ModelCIF file with pLDDT and N, C-alpha, C, O atoms, coordinates in Angstrom:
data_MODEL
#
_entry.id   MODEL 
#
_entity.id                         1 
_entity.type                       polymer 
_entity.pdbx_number_of_molecules   1 
#
_entity_poly.entity_id                      1 
_entity_poly.type                           'polypeptide(L)' 
_entity_poly.nstd_linkage                   no 
_entity_poly.nstd_monomer                   no 
_entity_poly.pdbx_seq_one_letter_code       WNDLFLMTKHAEMEDTDHETRLLPVISEVMLKEENTCCVNAMILNY 
_entity_poly.pdbx_seq_one_letter_code_can   WNDLFLMTKHAEMEDTDHETRLLPVISEVMLKEENTCCVNAMILNY 
_entity_poly.pdbx_strand_id                 A 
#
loop_
_entity_poly_seq.entity_id 
_entity_poly_seq.num 
_entity_poly_seq.mon_id 
_entity_poly_seq.hetero 
1 1  TRP n 
1 2  ASN n 
1 3  ASP n 
1 4  LEU n 
1 5  PHE n 
1 6  LEU n 
1 7  MET n 
1 8  THR n 
1 9  LYS n 
1 10 HIS n 
1 11 ALA n 
1 12 GLU n 
1 13 MET n 
1 14 GLU n 
1 15 ASP n 
1 16 THR n 
1 17 ASP n 
1 18 HIS n 
1 19 GLU n 
1 20 THR n 
1 21 ARG n 
1 22 LEU n 
1 23 LEU n 
1 24 PRO n 
1 25 VAL n 
1 26 ILE n 
1 27 SER n 
1 28 GLU n 
1 29 VAL n 
1 30 MET n 
1 31 LEU n 
1 32 LYS n 
1 33 GLU n 
1 34 GLU n 
1 35 ASN n 
1 36 THR n 
1 37 CYS n 
1 38 CYS n 
1 39 VAL n 
1 40 ASN n 
1 41 ALA n 
1 42 MET n 
1 43 ILE n 
1 44 LEU n 
1 45 ASN n 
1 46 TYR n 
#
_struct_asym.id          A 
_struct_asym.entity_id   1 
#
loop_
_ma_qa_metric.id 
_ma_qa_metric.mode 
_ma_qa_metric.name 
_ma_qa_metric.software_group_id 
_ma_qa_metric.type 
1 global pLDDT . pLDDT 
2 local  pLDDT . pLDDT 
#
_ma_qa_metric_global.metric_id      1 
_ma_qa_metric_global.metric_value   90.63 
_ma_qa_metric_global.model_id       1 
_ma_qa_metric_global.ordinal_id     1 
#
loop_
_ma_qa_metric_local.label_asym_id 
_ma_qa_metric_local.label_comp_id 
_ma_qa_metric_local.label_seq_id 
_ma_qa_metric_local.metric_id 
_ma_qa_metric_local.metric_value 
_ma_qa_metric_local.model_id 
_ma_qa_metric_local.ordinal_id 
A TRP 1  2 95.00 1 1  
A ASN 2  2 95.00 1 2  
A ASP 3  2 95.00 1 3  
A LEU 4  2 95.00 1 4  
A PHE 5  2 95.00 1 5  
A LEU 6  2 94.00 1 6  
A MET 7  2 94.00 1 7  
A THR 8  2 95.00 1 8  
A LYS 9  2 94.00 1 9  
A HIS 10 2 91.00 1 10 
A ALA 11 2 92.00 1 11 
A GLU 12 2 92.00 1 12 
A MET 13 2 92.00 1 13 
A GLU 14 2 90.00 1 14 
A ASP 15 2 90.00 1 15 
A THR 16 2 87.00 1 16 
A ASP 17 2 85.00 1 17 
A HIS 18 2 84.00 1 18 
A GLU 19 2 85.00 1 19 
A THR 20 2 84.00 1 20 
A ARG 21 2 88.00 1 21 
A LEU 22 2 92.00 1 22 
A LEU 23 2 91.00 1 23 
A PRO 24 2 88.00 1 24 
A VAL 25 2 90.00 1 25 
A ILE 26 2 90.00 1 26 
A SER 27 2 90.00 1 27 
A GLU 28 2 90.00 1 28 
A VAL 29 2 91.00 1 29 
A MET 30 2 89.00 1 30 
A LEU 31 2 89.00 1 31 
A LYS 32 2 88.00 1 32 
A GLU 33 2 87.00 1 33 
A GLU 34 2 82.00 1 34 
A ASN 35 2 87.00 1 35 
A THR 36 2 90.00 1 36 
A CYS 37 2 91.00 1 37 
A CYS 38 2 90.00 1 38 
A VAL 39 2 91.00 1 39 
A ASN 40 2 93.00 1 40 
A ALA 41 2 93.00 1 41 
A MET 42 2 92.00 1 42 
A ILE 43 2 93.00 1 43 
A LEU 44 2 95.00 1 44 
A ASN 45 2 93.00 1 45 
A TYR 46 2 92.00 1 46 
#
loop_
_atom_site.group_PDB 
_atom_site.id 
_atom_site.type_symbol 
_atom_site.label_atom_id 
_atom_site.label_alt_id 
_atom_site.label_comp_id 
_atom_site.label_asym_id 
_atom_site.label_entity_id 
_atom_site.label_seq_id 
_atom_site.pdbx_PDB_ins_code 
_atom_site.Cartn_x 
_atom_site.Cartn_y 
_atom_site.Cartn_z 
_atom_site.occupancy 
_atom_site.B_iso_or_equiv 
_atom_site.pdbx_formal_charge 
_atom_site.auth_seq_id 
_atom_site.auth_comp_id 
_atom_site.auth_asym_id 
_atom_site.auth_atom_id 
_atom_site.pdbx_PDB_model_num 
ATOM 1   N N  . TRP A 1 1  ? 0.838   -1.206  0.000   1.00 95.00 ? 1  TRP A N  1 
ATOM 2   C CA . TRP A 1 1  ? 0.000   0.000   0.000   1.00 95.00 ? 1  TRP A CA 1 
ATOM 3   C C  . TRP A 1 1  ? 0.872   1.255   0.000   1.00 95.00 ? 1  TRP A C  1 
ATOM 4   O O  . TRP A 1 1  ? 0.563   2.218   -0.701  1.00 95.00 ? 1  TRP A O  1 
ATOM 5   N N  . ASN A 1 2  ? 1.954   1.255   0.774   1.00 95.00 ? 2  ASN A N  1 
ATOM 6   C CA . ASN A 1 2  ? 2.838   2.416   0.836   1.00 95.00 ? 2  ASN A CA 1 
ATOM 7   C C  . ASN A 1 2  ? 3.541   2.647   -0.503  1.00 95.00 ? 2  ASN A C  1 
ATOM 8   O O  . ASN A 1 2  ? 3.582   3.777   -0.990  1.00 95.00 ? 2  ASN A O  1 
ATOM 9   N N  . ASP A 1 3  ? 4.089   1.598   -1.099  1.00 95.00 ? 3  ASP A N  1 
ATOM 10  C CA . ASP A 1 3  ? 4.750   1.726   -2.404  1.00 95.00 ? 3  ASP A CA 1 
ATOM 11  C C  . ASP A 1 3  ? 3.764   2.223   -3.462  1.00 95.00 ? 3  ASP A C  1 
ATOM 12  O O  . ASP A 1 3  ? 4.097   3.070   -4.291  1.00 95.00 ? 3  ASP A O  1 
ATOM 13  N N  . LEU A 1 4  ? 2.564   1.688   -3.417  1.00 95.00 ? 4  LEU A N  1 
ATOM 14  C CA . LEU A 1 4  ? 1.526   2.086   -4.353  1.00 95.00 ? 4  LEU A CA 1 
ATOM 15  C C  . LEU A 1 4  ? 1.167   3.565   -4.165  1.00 95.00 ? 4  LEU A C  1 
ATOM 16  O O  . LEU A 1 4  ? 1.005   4.303   -5.136  1.00 95.00 ? 4  LEU A O  1 
ATOM 17  N N  . PHE A 1 5  ? 1.048   3.981   -2.912  1.00 95.00 ? 5  PHE A N  1 
ATOM 18  C CA . PHE A 1 5  ? 0.741   5.380   -2.618  1.00 95.00 ? 5  PHE A CA 1 
ATOM 19  C C  . PHE A 1 5  ? 1.826   6.312   -3.167  1.00 95.00 ? 5  PHE A C  1 
ATOM 20  O O  . PHE A 1 5  ? 1.517   7.335   -3.778  1.00 95.00 ? 5  PHE A O  1 
ATOM 21  N N  . LEU A 1 6  ? 3.085   5.959   -2.950  1.00 94.00 ? 6  LEU A N  1 
ATOM 22  C CA . LEU A 1 6  ? 4.177   6.809   -3.429  1.00 94.00 ? 6  LEU A CA 1 
ATOM 23  C C  . LEU A 1 6  ? 4.210   6.877   -4.957  1.00 94.00 ? 6  LEU A C  1 
ATOM 24  O O  . LEU A 1 6  ? 4.452   7.942   -5.525  1.00 94.00 ? 6  LEU A O  1 
ATOM 25  N N  . MET A 1 7  ? 3.969   5.748   -5.622  1.00 94.00 ? 7  MET A N  1 
ATOM 26  C CA . MET A 1 7  ? 3.967   5.721   -7.081  1.00 94.00 ? 7  MET A CA 1 
ATOM 27  C C  . MET A 1 7  ? 2.806   6.563   -7.636  1.00 94.00 ? 7  MET A C  1 
ATOM 28  O O  . MET A 1 7  ? 3.002   7.384   -8.532  1.00 94.00 ? 7  MET A O  1 
ATOM 29  N N  . THR A 1 8  ? 1.612   6.354   -7.101  1.00 95.00 ? 8  THR A N  1 
ATOM 30  C CA . THR A 1 8  ? 0.448   7.057   -7.644  1.00 95.00 ? 8  THR A CA 1 
ATOM 31  C C  . THR A 1 8  ? 0.456   8.544   -7.285  1.00 95.00 ? 8  THR A C  1 
ATOM 32  O O  . THR A 1 8  ? -0.045  9.372   -8.046  1.00 95.00 ? 8  THR A O  1 
ATOM 33  N N  . LYS A 1 9  ? 1.017   8.875   -6.141  1.00 94.00 ? 9  LYS A N  1 
ATOM 34  C CA . LYS A 1 9  ? 1.116   10.287  -5.749  1.00 94.00 ? 9  LYS A CA 1 
ATOM 35  C C  . LYS A 1 9  ? 1.950   11.051  -6.771  1.00 94.00 ? 9  LYS A C  1 
ATOM 36  O O  . LYS A 1 9  ? 1.599   12.163  -7.166  1.00 94.00 ? 9  LYS A O  1 
ATOM 37  N N  . HIS A 1 10 ? 3.040   10.455  -7.189  1.00 91.00 ? 10 HIS A N  1 
ATOM 38  C CA . HIS A 1 10 ? 3.904   11.072  -8.194  1.00 91.00 ? 10 HIS A CA 1 
ATOM 39  C C  . HIS A 1 10 ? 3.139   11.283  -9.504  1.00 91.00 ? 10 HIS A C  1 
ATOM 40  O O  . HIS A 1 10 ? 3.236   12.343  -10.121 1.00 91.00 ? 10 HIS A O  1 
ATOM 41  N N  . ALA A 1 11 ? 2.390   10.283  -9.918  1.00 92.00 ? 11 ALA A N  1 
ATOM 42  C CA . ALA A 1 11 ? 1.615   10.386  -11.166 1.00 92.00 ? 11 ALA A CA 1 
ATOM 43  C C  . ALA A 1 11 ? 0.508   11.431  -11.040 1.00 92.00 ? 11 ALA A C  1 
ATOM 44  O O  . ALA A 1 11 ? 0.268   12.199  -11.972 1.00 92.00 ? 11 ALA A O  1 
ATOM 45  N N  . GLU A 1 12 ? -0.157  11.463  -9.905  1.00 92.00 ? 12 GLU A N  1 
ATOM 46  C CA . GLU A 1 12 ? -1.247  12.423  -9.700  1.00 92.00 ? 12 GLU A CA 1 
ATOM 47  C C  . GLU A 1 12 ? -0.750  13.866  -9.697  1.00 92.00 ? 12 GLU A C  1 
ATOM 48  O O  . GLU A 1 12 ? -1.475  14.771  -10.107 1.00 92.00 ? 12 GLU A O  1 
ATOM 49  N N  . MET A 1 13 ? 0.479   14.084  -9.237  1.00 92.00 ? 13 MET A N  1 
ATOM 50  C CA . MET A 1 13 ? 1.031   15.445  -9.226  1.00 92.00 ? 13 MET A CA 1 
ATOM 51  C C  . MET A 1 13 ? 1.240   15.959  -10.652 1.00 92.00 ? 13 MET A C  1 
ATOM 52  O O  . MET A 1 13 ? 1.164   17.164  -10.889 1.00 92.00 ? 13 MET A O  1 
ATOM 53  N N  . GLU A 1 14 ? 1.499   15.066  -11.594 1.00 90.00 ? 14 GLU A N  1 
ATOM 54  C CA . GLU A 1 14 ? 1.697   15.459  -12.988 1.00 90.00 ? 14 GLU A CA 1 
ATOM 55  C C  . GLU A 1 14 ? 0.393   15.514  -13.782 1.00 90.00 ? 14 GLU A C  1 
ATOM 56  O O  . GLU A 1 14 ? 0.365   16.041  -14.894 1.00 90.00 ? 14 GLU A O  1 
ATOM 57  N N  . ASP A 1 15 ? -0.670  14.979  -13.223 1.00 90.00 ? 15 ASP A N  1 
ATOM 58  C CA . ASP A 1 15 ? -1.956  14.903  -13.925 1.00 90.00 ? 15 ASP A CA 1 
ATOM 59  C C  . ASP A 1 15 ? -2.659  16.261  -13.872 1.00 90.00 ? 15 ASP A C  1 
ATOM 60  O O  . ASP A 1 15 ? -2.924  16.790  -12.793 1.00 90.00 ? 15 ASP A O  1 
ATOM 61  N N  . THR A 1 16 ? -2.954  16.811  -15.037 1.00 87.00 ? 16 THR A N  1 
ATOM 62  C CA . THR A 1 16 ? -3.657  18.097  -15.106 1.00 87.00 ? 16 THR A CA 1 
ATOM 63  C C  . THR A 1 16 ? -5.122  17.932  -15.475 1.00 87.00 ? 16 THR A C  1 
ATOM 64  O O  . THR A 1 16 ? -5.893  18.887  -15.374 1.00 87.00 ? 16 THR A O  1 
ATOM 65  N N  . ASP A 1 17 ? -5.519  16.747  -15.899 1.00 85.00 ? 17 ASP A N  1 
ATOM 66  C CA . ASP A 1 17 ? -6.904  16.485  -16.303 1.00 85.00 ? 17 ASP A CA 1 
ATOM 67  C C  . ASP A 1 17 ? -7.640  15.798  -15.156 1.00 85.00 ? 17 ASP A C  1 
ATOM 68  O O  . ASP A 1 17 ? -7.560  14.581  -14.986 1.00 85.00 ? 17 ASP A O  1 
ATOM 69  N N  . HIS A 1 18 ? -8.355  16.600  -14.380 1.00 84.00 ? 18 HIS A N  1 
ATOM 70  C CA . HIS A 1 18 ? -9.046  16.057  -13.221 1.00 84.00 ? 18 HIS A CA 1 
ATOM 71  C C  . HIS A 1 18 ? -10.497 15.687  -13.527 1.00 84.00 ? 18 HIS A C  1 
ATOM 72  O O  . HIS A 1 18 ? -11.224 15.244  -12.638 1.00 84.00 ? 18 HIS A O  1 
ATOM 73  N N  . GLU A 1 19 ? -10.916 15.866  -14.766 1.00 85.00 ? 19 GLU A N  1 
ATOM 74  C CA . GLU A 1 19 ? -12.290 15.569  -15.167 1.00 85.00 ? 19 GLU A CA 1 
ATOM 75  C C  . GLU A 1 19 ? -12.430 14.146  -15.706 1.00 85.00 ? 19 GLU A C  1 
ATOM 76  O O  . GLU A 1 19 ? -13.493 13.537  -15.585 1.00 85.00 ? 19 GLU A O  1 
ATOM 77  N N  . THR A 1 20 ? -11.372 13.621  -16.295 1.00 84.00 ? 20 THR A N  1 
ATOM 78  C CA . THR A 1 20 ? -11.417 12.310  -16.945 1.00 84.00 ? 20 THR A CA 1 
ATOM 79  C C  . THR A 1 20 ? -11.075 11.215  -15.950 1.00 84.00 ? 20 THR A C  1 
ATOM 80  O O  . THR A 1 20 ? -10.199 11.366  -15.099 1.00 84.00 ? 20 THR A O  1 
ATOM 81  N N  . ARG A 1 21 ? -11.789 10.115  -16.085 1.00 88.00 ? 21 ARG A N  1 
ATOM 82  C CA . ARG A 1 21 ? -11.483 8.933   -15.284 1.00 88.00 ? 21 ARG A CA 1 
ATOM 83  C C  . ARG A 1 21 ? -11.476 7.742   -16.232 1.00 88.00 ? 21 ARG A C  1 
ATOM 84  O O  . ARG A 1 21 ? -12.403 7.561   -17.021 1.00 88.00 ? 21 ARG A O  1 
ATOM 85  N N  . LEU A 1 22 ? -10.428 6.932   -16.150 1.00 92.00 ? 22 LEU A N  1 
ATOM 86  C CA . LEU A 1 22 ? -10.289 5.770   -17.012 1.00 92.00 ? 22 LEU A CA 1 
ATOM 87  C C  . LEU A 1 22 ? -10.993 4.540   -16.443 1.00 92.00 ? 22 LEU A C  1 
ATOM 88  O O  . LEU A 1 22 ? -11.697 3.829   -17.160 1.00 92.00 ? 22 LEU A O  1 
ATOM 89  N N  . LEU A 1 23 ? -10.795 4.297   -15.146 1.00 91.00 ? 23 LEU A N  1 
ATOM 90  C CA . LEU A 1 23 ? -11.428 3.134   -14.506 1.00 91.00 ? 23 LEU A CA 1 
ATOM 91  C C  . LEU A 1 23 ? -12.914 3.399   -14.302 1.00 91.00 ? 23 LEU A C  1 
ATOM 92  O O  . LEU A 1 23 ? -13.299 4.502   -13.914 1.00 91.00 ? 23 LEU A O  1 
ATOM 93  N N  . PRO A 1 24 ? -13.748 2.400   -14.561 1.00 88.00 ? 24 PRO A N  1 
ATOM 94  C CA . PRO A 1 24 ? -15.179 2.583   -14.297 1.00 88.00 ? 24 PRO A CA 1 
ATOM 95  C C  . PRO A 1 24 ? -15.426 2.688   -12.793 1.00 88.00 ? 24 PRO A C  1 
ATOM 96  O O  . PRO A 1 24 ? -14.687 2.110   -11.995 1.00 88.00 ? 24 PRO A O  1 
ATOM 97  N N  . VAL A 1 25 ? -16.452 3.415   -12.417 1.00 90.00 ? 25 VAL A N  1 
ATOM 98  C CA . VAL A 1 25 ? -16.820 3.521   -11.010 1.00 90.00 ? 25 VAL A CA 1 
ATOM 99  C C  . VAL A 1 25 ? -17.544 2.231   -10.630 1.00 90.00 ? 25 VAL A C  1 
ATOM 100 O O  . VAL A 1 25 ? -18.485 1.813   -11.305 1.00 90.00 ? 25 VAL A O  1 
ATOM 101 N N  . ILE A 1 26 ? -17.098 1.612   -9.550  1.00 90.00 ? 26 ILE A N  1 
ATOM 102 C CA . ILE A 1 26 ? -17.726 0.383   -9.067  1.00 90.00 ? 26 ILE A CA 1 
ATOM 103 C C  . ILE A 1 26 ? -18.209 0.664   -7.647  1.00 90.00 ? 26 ILE A C  1 
ATOM 104 O O  . ILE A 1 26 ? -17.419 0.955   -6.749  1.00 90.00 ? 26 ILE A O  1 
ATOM 105 N N  . SER A 1 27 ? -19.510 0.571   -7.469  1.00 90.00 ? 27 SER A N  1 
ATOM 106 C CA . SER A 1 27 ? -20.100 0.873   -6.163  1.00 90.00 ? 27 SER A CA 1 
ATOM 107 C C  . SER A 1 27 ? -19.723 -0.188  -5.138  1.00 90.00 ? 27 SER A C  1 
ATOM 108 O O  . SER A 1 27 ? -19.239 -1.267  -5.478  1.00 90.00 ? 27 SER A O  1 
ATOM 109 N N  . GLU A 1 28 ? -19.958 0.151   -3.870  1.00 90.00 ? 28 GLU A N  1 
ATOM 110 C CA . GLU A 1 28 ? -19.677 -0.784  -2.783  1.00 90.00 ? 28 GLU A CA 1 
ATOM 111 C C  . GLU A 1 28 ? -20.482 -2.075  -2.942  1.00 90.00 ? 28 GLU A C  1 
ATOM 112 O O  . GLU A 1 28 ? -19.992 -3.167  -2.655  1.00 90.00 ? 28 GLU A O  1 
ATOM 113 N N  . VAL A 1 29 ? -21.711 -1.930  -3.400  1.00 91.00 ? 29 VAL A N  1 
ATOM 114 C CA . VAL A 1 29 ? -22.572 -3.096  -3.601  1.00 91.00 ? 29 VAL A CA 1 
ATOM 115 C C  . VAL A 1 29 ? -22.001 -3.977  -4.712  1.00 91.00 ? 29 VAL A C  1 
ATOM 116 O O  . VAL A 1 29 ? -21.949 -5.199  -4.569  1.00 91.00 ? 29 VAL A O  1 
ATOM 117 N N  . MET A 1 30 ? -21.573 -3.367  -5.814  1.00 89.00 ? 30 MET A N  1 
ATOM 118 C CA . MET A 1 30 ? -21.008 -4.142  -6.927  1.00 89.00 ? 30 MET A CA 1 
ATOM 119 C C  . MET A 1 30 ? -19.705 -4.822  -6.530  1.00 89.00 ? 30 MET A C  1 
ATOM 120 O O  . MET A 1 30 ? -19.401 -5.911  -7.016  1.00 89.00 ? 30 MET A O  1 
ATOM 121 N N  . LEU A 1 31 ? -18.925 -4.182  -5.641  1.00 89.00 ? 31 LEU A N  1 
ATOM 122 C CA . LEU A 1 31 ? -17.661 -4.784  -5.201  1.00 89.00 ? 31 LEU A CA 1 
ATOM 123 C C  . LEU A 1 31 ? -17.890 -6.089  -4.451  1.00 89.00 ? 31 LEU A C  1 
ATOM 124 O O  . LEU A 1 31 ? -16.995 -6.932  -4.393  1.00 89.00 ? 31 LEU A O  1 
ATOM 125 N N  . LYS A 1 32 ? -19.060 -6.266  -3.885  1.00 88.00 ? 32 LYS A N  1 
ATOM 126 C CA . LYS A 1 32 ? -19.369 -7.475  -3.118  1.00 88.00 ? 32 LYS A CA 1 
ATOM 127 C C  . LYS A 1 32 ? -19.952 -8.582  -3.995  1.00 88.00 ? 32 LYS A C  1 
ATOM 128 O O  . LYS A 1 32 ? -20.135 -9.703  -3.520  1.00 88.00 ? 32 LYS A O  1 
ATOM 129 N N  . GLU A 1 33 ? -20.248 -8.291  -5.271  1.00 87.00 ? 33 GLU A N  1 
ATOM 130 C CA . GLU A 1 33 ? -20.775 -9.309  -6.169  1.00 87.00 ? 33 GLU A CA 1 
ATOM 131 C C  . GLU A 1 33 ? -19.711 -10.378 -6.412  1.00 87.00 ? 33 GLU A C  1 
ATOM 132 O O  . GLU A 1 33 ? -18.512 -10.100 -6.402  1.00 87.00 ? 33 GLU A O  1 
ATOM 133 N N  . GLU A 1 34 ? -20.171 -11.583 -6.626  1.00 82.00 ? 34 GLU A N  1 
ATOM 134 C CA . GLU A 1 34 ? -19.280 -12.745 -6.708  1.00 82.00 ? 34 GLU A CA 1 
ATOM 135 C C  . GLU A 1 34 ? -18.201 -12.628 -7.794  1.00 82.00 ? 34 GLU A C  1 
ATOM 136 O O  . GLU A 1 34 ? -17.053 -13.005 -7.560  1.00 82.00 ? 34 GLU A O  1 
ATOM 137 N N  . ASN A 1 35 ? -18.556 -12.111 -8.973  1.00 87.00 ? 35 ASN A N  1 
ATOM 138 C CA . ASN A 1 35 ? -17.597 -12.115 -10.083 1.00 87.00 ? 35 ASN A CA 1 
ATOM 139 C C  . ASN A 1 35 ? -16.747 -10.852 -10.171 1.00 87.00 ? 35 ASN A C  1 
ATOM 140 O O  . ASN A 1 35 ? -15.893 -10.756 -11.052 1.00 87.00 ? 35 ASN A O  1 
ATOM 141 N N  . THR A 1 36 ? -16.954 -9.888  -9.288  1.00 90.00 ? 36 THR A N  1 
ATOM 142 C CA . THR A 1 36 ? -16.241 -8.619  -9.386  1.00 90.00 ? 36 THR A CA 1 
ATOM 143 C C  . THR A 1 36 ? -14.735 -8.777  -9.203  1.00 90.00 ? 36 THR A C  1 
ATOM 144 O O  . THR A 1 36 ? -13.965 -8.048  -9.828  1.00 90.00 ? 36 THR A O  1 
ATOM 145 N N  . CYS A 1 37 ? -14.307 -9.698  -8.375  1.00 91.00 ? 37 CYS A N  1 
ATOM 146 C CA . CYS A 1 37 ? -12.872 -9.914  -8.191  1.00 91.00 ? 37 CYS A CA 1 
ATOM 147 C C  . CYS A 1 37 ? -12.222 -10.284 -9.514  1.00 91.00 ? 37 CYS A C  1 
ATOM 148 O O  . CYS A 1 37 ? -11.171 -9.749  -9.864  1.00 91.00 ? 37 CYS A O  1 
ATOM 149 N N  . CYS A 1 38 ? -12.841 -11.192 -10.245 1.00 90.00 ? 38 CYS A N  1 
ATOM 150 C CA . CYS A 1 38 ? -12.262 -11.633 -11.524 1.00 90.00 ? 38 CYS A CA 1 
ATOM 151 C C  . CYS A 1 38 ? -12.335 -10.535 -12.581 1.00 90.00 ? 38 CYS A C  1 
ATOM 152 O O  . CYS A 1 38 ? -11.447 -10.429 -13.427 1.00 90.00 ? 38 CYS A O  1 
ATOM 153 N N  . VAL A 1 39 ? -13.371 -9.729  -12.539 1.00 91.00 ? 39 VAL A N  1 
ATOM 154 C CA . VAL A 1 39 ? -13.456 -8.588  -13.462 1.00 91.00 ? 39 VAL A CA 1 
ATOM 155 C C  . VAL A 1 39 ? -12.289 -7.638  -13.186 1.00 91.00 ? 39 VAL A C  1 
ATOM 156 O O  . VAL A 1 39 ? -11.618 -7.188  -14.115 1.00 91.00 ? 39 VAL A O  1 
ATOM 157 N N  . ASN A 1 40 ? -12.054 -7.338  -11.923 1.00 93.00 ? 40 ASN A N  1 
ATOM 158 C CA . ASN A 1 40 ? -10.931 -6.471  -11.562 1.00 93.00 ? 40 ASN A CA 1 
ATOM 159 C C  . ASN A 1 40 ? -9.591  -7.123  -11.893 1.00 93.00 ? 40 ASN A C  1 
ATOM 160 O O  . ASN A 1 40 ? -8.636  -6.430  -12.245 1.00 93.00 ? 40 ASN A O  1 
ATOM 161 N N  . ALA A 1 41 ? -9.515  -8.436  -11.785 1.00 93.00 ? 41 ALA A N  1 
ATOM 162 C CA . ALA A 1 41 ? -8.290  -9.156  -12.148 1.00 93.00 ? 41 ALA A CA 1 
ATOM 163 C C  . ALA A 1 41 ? -8.012  -9.023  -13.649 1.00 93.00 ? 41 ALA A C  1 
ATOM 164 O O  . ALA A 1 41 ? -6.854  -8.929  -14.056 1.00 93.00 ? 41 ALA A O  1 
ATOM 165 N N  . MET A 1 42 ? -9.056  -9.013  -14.465 1.00 92.00 ? 42 MET A N  1 
ATOM 166 C CA . MET A 1 42 ? -8.879  -8.828  -15.920 1.00 92.00 ? 42 MET A CA 1 
ATOM 167 C C  . MET A 1 42 ? -8.373  -7.416  -16.224 1.00 92.00 ? 42 MET A C  1 
ATOM 168 O O  . MET A 1 42 ? -7.524  -7.229  -17.096 1.00 92.00 ? 42 MET A O  1 
ATOM 169 N N  . ILE A 1 43 ? -8.896  -6.433  -15.504 1.00 93.00 ? 43 ILE A N  1 
ATOM 170 C CA . ILE A 1 43 ? -8.397  -5.063  -15.675 1.00 93.00 ? 43 ILE A CA 1 
ATOM 171 C C  . ILE A 1 43 ? -6.941  -5.003  -15.211 1.00 93.00 ? 43 ILE A C  1 
ATOM 172 O O  . ILE A 1 43 ? -6.120  -4.336  -15.841 1.00 93.00 ? 43 ILE A O  1 
ATOM 173 N N  . LEU A 1 44 ? -6.617  -5.689  -14.125 1.00 95.00 ? 44 LEU A N  1 
ATOM 174 C CA . LEU A 1 44 ? -5.232  -5.749  -13.647 1.00 95.00 ? 44 LEU A CA 1 
ATOM 175 C C  . LEU A 1 44 ? -4.325  -6.356  -14.713 1.00 95.00 ? 44 LEU A C  1 
ATOM 176 O O  . LEU A 1 44 ? -3.222  -5.855  -14.937 1.00 95.00 ? 44 LEU A O  1 
ATOM 177 N N  . ASN A 1 45 ? -4.764  -7.416  -15.370 1.00 93.00 ? 45 ASN A N  1 
ATOM 178 C CA . ASN A 1 45 ? -3.962  -8.028  -16.435 1.00 93.00 ? 45 ASN A CA 1 
ATOM 179 C C  . ASN A 1 45 ? -3.690  -7.024  -17.552 1.00 93.00 ? 45 ASN A C  1 
ATOM 180 O O  . ASN A 1 45 ? -2.583  -6.973  -18.086 1.00 93.00 ? 45 ASN A O  1 
ATOM 181 N N  . TYR A 1 46 ? -4.700  -6.226  -17.906 1.00 92.00 ? 46 TYR A N  1 
ATOM 182 C CA . TYR A 1 46 ? -4.528  -5.188  -18.929 1.00 92.00 ? 46 TYR A CA 1 
ATOM 183 C C  . TYR A 1 46 ? -3.491  -4.164  -18.451 1.00 92.00 ? 46 TYR A C  1 
ATOM 184 O O  . TYR A 1 46 ? -3.196  -3.205  -19.164 1.00 92.00 ? 46 TYR A O  1 
#
């Protein structure tokens, strides 16, 4: 988590487009659905 925070903090400091989001928004309810882990794993593979 710490390494990830340091890496993403650096990227966020260079990001000037705060309106665009690449990852889809996944609600708390959807995160608990059975297949959501594998869906996120496919995005991780990408």
